Amino acid sequence: MKIIKKIIIGILVFIALLLVVALFIPNDYTVSVSTVVNKPKPAVFEYVKNIKNQERYSVWMMEDPNVVMDYQGTDGTVGFKASWNSKDDNVGEGSQQITAVSDERIDVDLHFERPMKGDDKAATIVEAVSETQTKVTAEFYGHSTYPMNLMSLIGKKIITDAQTQNLVNLKKILEE
């Protein structure tokens, strides 16, 4: 009986420790990764502003070749909405909608239904490095309320890895 009591106390102390740690983790976070593409900025921007092109370089879209996509509006313009639904929970169900387009930036609102409900934001930023080179930055803006903000540590790593691979894929496509 004493051993069970010690195990229970140990579990409670561990949970309390996690809750205290979560107090010091911000609720809002940004993941930002960049690469330089050997193409002029206009060509790069024209490609990345079209959400449908993500099917060719997004690790999430490539994860399930049977994902069902639905598009509403004119791609590359404010209001365009791309929705996805996959039986694979690594892809899940959700949508992204373009909220702003400028000469150097595309902003989207992300809505997730499955595997977890949530709303976040993302942006793709393109900057000319030279006449023939463009820096592409993918940013993800996340929010997690206490105590779920503790999970953002894992989420940031997953998003960073995926965004990094997305940019590797994008660079390969644009430089072919």
C-alpha atoms as a PDB file:
ATOM      1  CA  MET A   1       0.000   0.000   0.000  1.00  0.00           C
ATOM      2  CA  LYS A   2       2.890   2.381   0.760  1.00  0.00           C
ATOM      3  CA  ILE A   3       4.308   1.870  -2.727  1.00  0.00           C
ATOM      4  CA  ILE A   4       0.984   2.771  -4.359  1.00  0.00           C
ATOM      5  CA  LYS A   5       0.799   5.890  -2.200  1.00  0.00           C
ATOM      6  CA  LYS A   6       4.333   6.882  -3.279  1.00  0.00           C
ATOM      7  CA  ILE A   7       3.480   6.293  -6.939  1.00  0.00           C
ATOM      8  CA  ILE A   8       0.343   8.439  -6.681  1.00  0.00           C
ATOM      9  CA  ILE A   9       2.244  11.215  -4.879  1.00  0.00           C
ATOM     10  CA  GLY A  10       4.996  11.020  -7.526  1.00  0.00           C
ATOM     11  CA  ILE A  11       2.444  11.355 -10.341  1.00  0.00           C
ATOM     12  CA  LEU A  12       0.758  14.306  -8.619  1.00  0.00           C
ATOM     13  CA  VAL A  13       4.103  16.056  -8.085  1.00  0.00           C
ATOM     14  CA  PHE A  14       4.996  15.509 -11.747  1.00  0.00           C
ATOM     15  CA  ILE A  15       1.660  16.948 -12.897  1.00  0.00           C
ATOM     16  CA  ALA A  16       2.064  19.920 -10.557  1.00  0.00           C
ATOM     17  CA  LEU A  17       5.572  20.500 -11.914  1.00  0.00           C
ATOM     18  CA  LEU A  18       4.265  20.485 -15.492  1.00  0.00           C
ATOM     19  CA  LEU A  19       1.550  22.981 -14.563  1.00  0.00           C
ATOM     20  CA  VAL A  20       4.132  25.289 -12.975  1.00  0.00           C
ATOM     21  CA  VAL A  21       6.381  25.043 -16.051  1.00  0.00           C
ATOM     22  CA  ALA A  22       3.395  25.897 -18.266  1.00  0.00           C
ATOM     23  CA  LEU A  23       3.015  29.173 -16.351  1.00  0.00           C
ATOM     24  CA  PHE A  24       6.316  30.335 -17.858  1.00  0.00           C
ATOM     25  CA  ILE A  25       5.638  29.293 -21.451  1.00  0.00           C
ATOM     26  CA  PRO A  26       4.101  32.016 -23.628  1.00  0.00           C
ATOM     27  CA  ASN A  27       0.603  31.421 -24.984  1.00  0.00           C
ATOM     28  CA  ASP A  28       1.551  32.944 -28.344  1.00  0.00           C
ATOM     29  CA  TYR A  29       4.433  31.743 -30.465  1.00  0.00           C
ATOM     30  CA  THR A  30       5.870  32.214 -33.935  1.00  0.00           C
ATOM     31  CA  VAL A  31       7.705  29.689 -36.066  1.00  0.00           C
ATOM     32  CA  SER A  32       9.754  31.296 -38.824  1.00  0.00           C
ATOM     33  CA  VAL A  33      11.950  29.503 -41.366  1.00  0.00           C
ATOM     34  CA  SER A  34      13.608  30.880 -44.501  1.00  0.00           C
ATOM     35  CA  THR A  35      15.469  29.818 -47.601  1.00  0.00           C
ATOM     36  CA  VAL A  36      16.936  31.566 -50.617  1.00  0.00           C
ATOM     37  CA  VAL A  37      15.592  30.548 -54.021  1.00  0.00           C
ATOM     38  CA  ASN A  38      17.657  31.184 -57.130  1.00  0.00           C
ATOM     39  CA  LYS A  39      14.838  32.866 -59.055  1.00  0.00           C
ATOM     40  CA  PRO A  40      13.725  36.486 -59.361  1.00  0.00           C
ATOM     41  CA  LYS A  41      11.211  37.723 -56.797  1.00  0.00           C
ATOM     42  CA  PRO A  42       8.284  38.194 -59.247  1.00  0.00           C
ATOM     43  CA  ALA A  43       8.449  34.542 -60.354  1.00  0.00           C
ATOM     44  CA  VAL A  44       8.698  33.268 -56.782  1.00  0.00           C
ATOM     45  CA  PHE A  45       5.883  35.488 -55.520  1.00  0.00           C
ATOM     46  CA  GLU A  46       3.591  34.512 -58.395  1.00  0.00           C
ATOM     47  CA  TYR A  47       4.080  30.847 -57.492  1.00  0.00           C
ATOM     48  CA  VAL A  48       3.730  31.026 -53.694  1.00  0.00           C
ATOM     49  CA  LYS A  49       0.701  33.320 -53.643  1.00  0.00           C
ATOM     50  CA  ASN A  50      -1.373  30.563 -55.267  1.00  0.00           C
ATOM     51  CA  ILE A  51      -2.506  28.225 -52.500  1.00  0.00           C
ATOM     52  CA  LYS A  52      -3.194  25.387 -54.950  1.00  0.00           C
ATOM     53  CA  ASN A  53       0.561  25.167 -55.604  1.00  0.00           C
ATOM     54  CA  GLN A  54       1.022  23.963 -52.009  1.00  0.00           C
ATOM     55  CA  GLU A  55      -0.210  20.571 -53.189  1.00  0.00           C
ATOM     56  CA  ARG A  56       3.197  20.215 -54.906  1.00  0.00           C
ATOM     57  CA  TYR A  57       5.419  21.177 -51.979  1.00  0.00           C
ATOM     58  CA  SER A  58       3.511  20.979 -48.664  1.00  0.00           C
ATOM     59  CA  VAL A  59       4.433  17.913 -46.638  1.00  0.00           C
ATOM     60  CA  TRP A  60       0.919  17.864 -45.180  1.00  0.00           C
ATOM     61  CA  MET A  61      -0.763  17.786 -48.581  1.00  0.00           C
ATOM     62  CA  MET A  62       1.666  15.177 -49.891  1.00  0.00           C
ATOM     63  CA  GLU A  63       1.087  12.982 -46.821  1.00  0.00           C
ATOM     64  CA  ASP A  64      -2.277  11.797 -48.179  1.00  0.00           C
ATOM     65  CA  PRO A  65      -2.635  11.503 -51.963  1.00  0.00           C
ATOM     66  CA  ASN A  66      -6.369  10.879 -51.425  1.00  0.00           C
ATOM     67  CA  VAL A  67      -7.045  14.109 -49.530  1.00  0.00           C
ATOM     68  CA  VAL A  68     -10.250  15.764 -50.727  1.00  0.00           C
ATOM     69  CA  MET A  69      -9.721  19.421 -51.613  1.00  0.00           C
ATOM     70  CA  ASP A  70     -12.354  22.122 -52.117  1.00  0.00           C
ATOM     71  CA  TYR A  71     -11.575  25.592 -53.441  1.00  0.00           C
ATOM     72  CA  GLN A  72     -13.664  28.749 -53.288  1.00  0.00           C
ATOM     73  CA  GLY A  73     -12.780  32.034 -54.958  1.00  0.00           C
ATOM     74  CA  THR A  74      -9.879  33.161 -57.110  1.00  0.00           C
ATOM     75  CA  ASP A  75      -6.543  31.677 -56.053  1.00  0.00           C
ATOM     76  CA  GLY A  76      -3.904  34.203 -55.048  1.00  0.00           C
ATOM     77  CA  THR A  77      -6.470  36.847 -54.029  1.00  0.00           C
ATOM     78  CA  VAL A  78      -7.987  37.910 -50.715  1.00  0.00           C
ATOM     79  CA  GLY A  79     -10.907  35.674 -49.818  1.00  0.00           C
ATOM     80  CA  PHE A  80      -9.683  32.551 -51.633  1.00  0.00           C
ATOM     81  CA  LYS A  81     -10.363  29.528 -49.437  1.00  0.00           C
ATOM     82  CA  ALA A  82      -8.867  26.056 -49.688  1.00  0.00           C
ATOM     83  CA  SER A  83     -10.449  23.333 -47.556  1.00  0.00           C
ATOM     84  CA  TRP A  84      -9.125  19.833 -47.047  1.00  0.00           C
ATOM     85  CA  ASN A  85     -10.511  16.617 -45.610  1.00  0.00           C
ATOM     86  CA  SER A  86      -8.418  13.511 -45.131  1.00  0.00           C
ATOM     87  CA  LYS A  87      -9.049  10.162 -43.495  1.00  0.00           C
ATOM     88  CA  ASP A  88      -5.417  10.365 -42.334  1.00  0.00           C
ATOM     89  CA  ASP A  89      -5.349  12.206 -38.991  1.00  0.00           C
ATOM     90  CA  ASN A  90      -1.839  13.481 -39.752  1.00  0.00           C
ATOM     91  CA  VAL A  91      -3.545  15.624 -42.403  1.00  0.00           C
ATOM     92  CA  GLY A  92      -6.956  15.927 -40.776  1.00  0.00           C
ATOM     93  CA  GLU A  93      -9.613  18.407 -41.799  1.00  0.00           C
ATOM     94  CA  GLY A  94      -9.494  22.175 -42.034  1.00  0.00           C
ATOM     95  CA  SER A  95      -9.149  25.189 -44.250  1.00  0.00           C
ATOM     96  CA  GLN A  96      -6.988  28.168 -45.027  1.00  0.00           C
ATOM     97  CA  GLN A  97      -8.212  31.477 -46.348  1.00  0.00           C
ATOM     98  CA  ILE A  98      -6.146  34.301 -47.812  1.00  0.00           C
ATOM     99  CA  THR A  99      -6.686  37.427 -45.695  1.00  0.00           C
ATOM    100  CA  ALA A 100      -4.093  39.775 -47.191  1.00  0.00           C
ATOM    101  CA  VAL A 101      -1.867  39.981 -50.264  1.00  0.00           C
ATOM    102  CA  SER A 102       0.797  42.630 -50.825  1.00  0.00           C
ATOM    103  CA  ASP A 103       3.847  42.791 -53.083  1.00  0.00           C
ATOM    104  CA  GLU A 104       5.902  40.782 -50.607  1.00  0.00           C
ATOM    105  CA  ARG A 105       3.508  38.910 -48.350  1.00  0.00           C
ATOM    106  CA  ILE A 106       0.545  36.550 -48.309  1.00  0.00           C
ATOM    107  CA  ASP A 107      -1.353  36.120 -45.029  1.00  0.00           C
ATOM    108  CA  VAL A 108      -3.780  33.282 -44.331  1.00  0.00           C
ATOM    109  CA  ASP A 109      -6.137  32.297 -41.546  1.00  0.00           C
ATOM    110  CA  LEU A 110      -5.945  28.609 -40.703  1.00  0.00           C
ATOM    111  CA  HIS A 111      -8.885  26.689 -39.280  1.00  0.00           C
ATOM    112  CA  PHE A 112      -8.433  23.127 -38.034  1.00  0.00           C
ATOM    113  CA  GLU A 113     -11.307  20.748 -37.346  1.00  0.00           C
ATOM    114  CA  ARG A 114      -9.432  17.496 -36.967  1.00  0.00           C
ATOM    115  CA  PRO A 115      -7.399  15.990 -35.348  1.00  0.00           C
ATOM    116  CA  MET A 116      -7.668  19.015 -33.006  1.00  0.00           C
ATOM    117  CA  LYS A 117      -9.851  22.070 -33.348  1.00  0.00           C
ATOM    118  CA  GLY A 118      -8.036  25.369 -33.558  1.00  0.00           C
ATOM    119  CA  ASP A 119      -7.478  28.628 -35.367  1.00  0.00           C
ATOM    120  CA  ASP A 120      -4.077  30.051 -36.216  1.00  0.00           C
ATOM    121  CA  LYS A 121      -2.445  32.307 -38.782  1.00  0.00           C
ATOM    122  CA  ALA A 122       0.398  31.928 -41.254  1.00  0.00           C
ATOM    123  CA  ALA A 123       2.268  34.064 -43.759  1.00  0.00           C
ATOM    124  CA  THR A 124       4.638  33.648 -46.664  1.00  0.00           C
ATOM    125  CA  ILE A 125       7.038  36.535 -47.137  1.00  0.00           C
ATOM    126  CA  VAL A 126       9.223  37.044 -50.231  1.00  0.00           C
ATOM    127  CA  GLU A 127      12.125  39.498 -50.400  1.00  0.00           C
ATOM    128  CA  ALA A 128      14.509  40.143 -53.261  1.00  0.00           C
ATOM    129  CA  VAL A 129      18.085  39.331 -52.302  1.00  0.00           C
ATOM    130  CA  SER A 130      19.365  40.199 -55.773  1.00  0.00           C
ATOM    131  CA  GLU A 131      18.002  40.292 -59.316  1.00  0.00           C
ATOM    132  CA  THR A 132      18.124  36.492 -59.447  1.00  0.00           C
ATOM    133  CA  GLN A 133      17.652  35.457 -55.826  1.00  0.00           C
ATOM    134  CA  THR A 134      14.674  35.650 -53.482  1.00  0.00           C
ATOM    135  CA  LYS A 135      14.428  34.969 -49.773  1.00  0.00           C
ATOM    136  CA  VAL A 136      11.247  33.071 -48.882  1.00  0.00           C
ATOM    137  CA  THR A 137      10.134  33.043 -45.259  1.00  0.00           C
ATOM    138  CA  ALA A 138       7.317  30.832 -43.998  1.00  0.00           C
ATOM    139  CA  GLU A 139       5.824  31.970 -40.697  1.00  0.00           C
ATOM    140  CA  PHE A 140       3.269  30.277 -38.470  1.00  0.00           C
ATOM    141  CA  TYR A 141       1.601  32.176 -35.629  1.00  0.00           C
ATOM    142  CA  GLY A 142       0.224  29.863 -32.974  1.00  0.00           C
ATOM    143  CA  HIS A 143      -1.764  30.345 -29.805  1.00  0.00           C
ATOM    144  CA  SER A 144      -2.334  27.899 -26.962  1.00  0.00           C
ATOM    145  CA  THR A 145      -4.096  28.689 -23.718  1.00  0.00           C
ATOM    146  CA  TYR A 146      -2.806  27.526 -20.351  1.00  0.00           C
ATOM    147  CA  PRO A 147      -2.080  24.660 -19.673  1.00  0.00           C
ATOM    148  CA  MET A 148      -2.147  23.473 -23.302  1.00  0.00           C
ATOM    149  CA  ASN A 149       0.650  25.966 -24.028  1.00  0.00           C
ATOM    150  CA  LEU A 150       2.951  23.280 -22.635  1.00  0.00           C
ATOM    151  CA  MET A 151       2.202  21.261 -25.783  1.00  0.00           C
ATOM    152  CA  SER A 152       3.322  24.178 -27.971  1.00  0.00           C
ATOM    153  CA  LEU A 153       6.916  23.120 -27.309  1.00  0.00           C
ATOM    154  CA  ILE A 154       6.276  19.908 -29.235  1.00  0.00           C
ATOM    155  CA  GLY A 155       4.062  21.671 -31.774  1.00  0.00           C
ATOM    156  CA  LYS A 156       6.757  24.238 -32.575  1.00  0.00           C
ATOM    157  CA  LYS A 157       9.240  21.467 -33.359  1.00  0.00           C
ATOM    158  CA  ILE A 158       6.770  19.649 -35.623  1.00  0.00           C
ATOM    159  CA  ILE A 159       5.845  22.870 -37.447  1.00  0.00           C
ATOM    160  CA  THR A 160       9.487  23.941 -37.808  1.00  0.00           C
ATOM    161  CA  ASP A 161      10.438  20.579 -39.323  1.00  0.00           C
ATOM    162  CA  ALA A 162       7.465  20.620 -41.709  1.00  0.00           C
ATOM    163  CA  GLN A 163       7.984  24.241 -42.791  1.00  0.00           C
ATOM    164  CA  THR A 164      11.681  23.600 -43.358  1.00  0.00           C
ATOM    165  CA  GLN A 165      10.881  20.623 -45.597  1.00  0.00           C
ATOM    166  CA  ASN A 166       8.194  22.659 -47.398  1.00  0.00           C
ATOM    167  CA  LEU A 167      10.823  25.273 -48.278  1.00  0.00           C
ATOM    168  CA  VAL A 168      13.271  22.591 -49.441  1.00  0.00           C
ATOM    169  CA  ASN A 169      10.522  21.219 -51.705  1.00  0.00           C
ATOM    170  CA  LEU A 170       9.572  24.711 -52.926  1.00  0.00           C
ATOM    171  CA  LYS A 171      13.171  25.616 -53.720  1.00  0.00           C
ATOM    172  CA  LYS A 172      13.613  22.407 -55.719  1.00  0.00           C
ATOM    173  CA  ILE A 173      10.440  23.054 -57.748  1.00  0.00           C
ATOM    174  CA  LEU A 174      11.238  26.708 -58.476  1.00  0.00           C
ATOM    175  CA  GLU A 175      14.857  26.081 -59.425  1.00  0.00           C
ATOM    176  CA  GLU A 176      14.108  23.244 -61.887  1.00  0.00           C
END
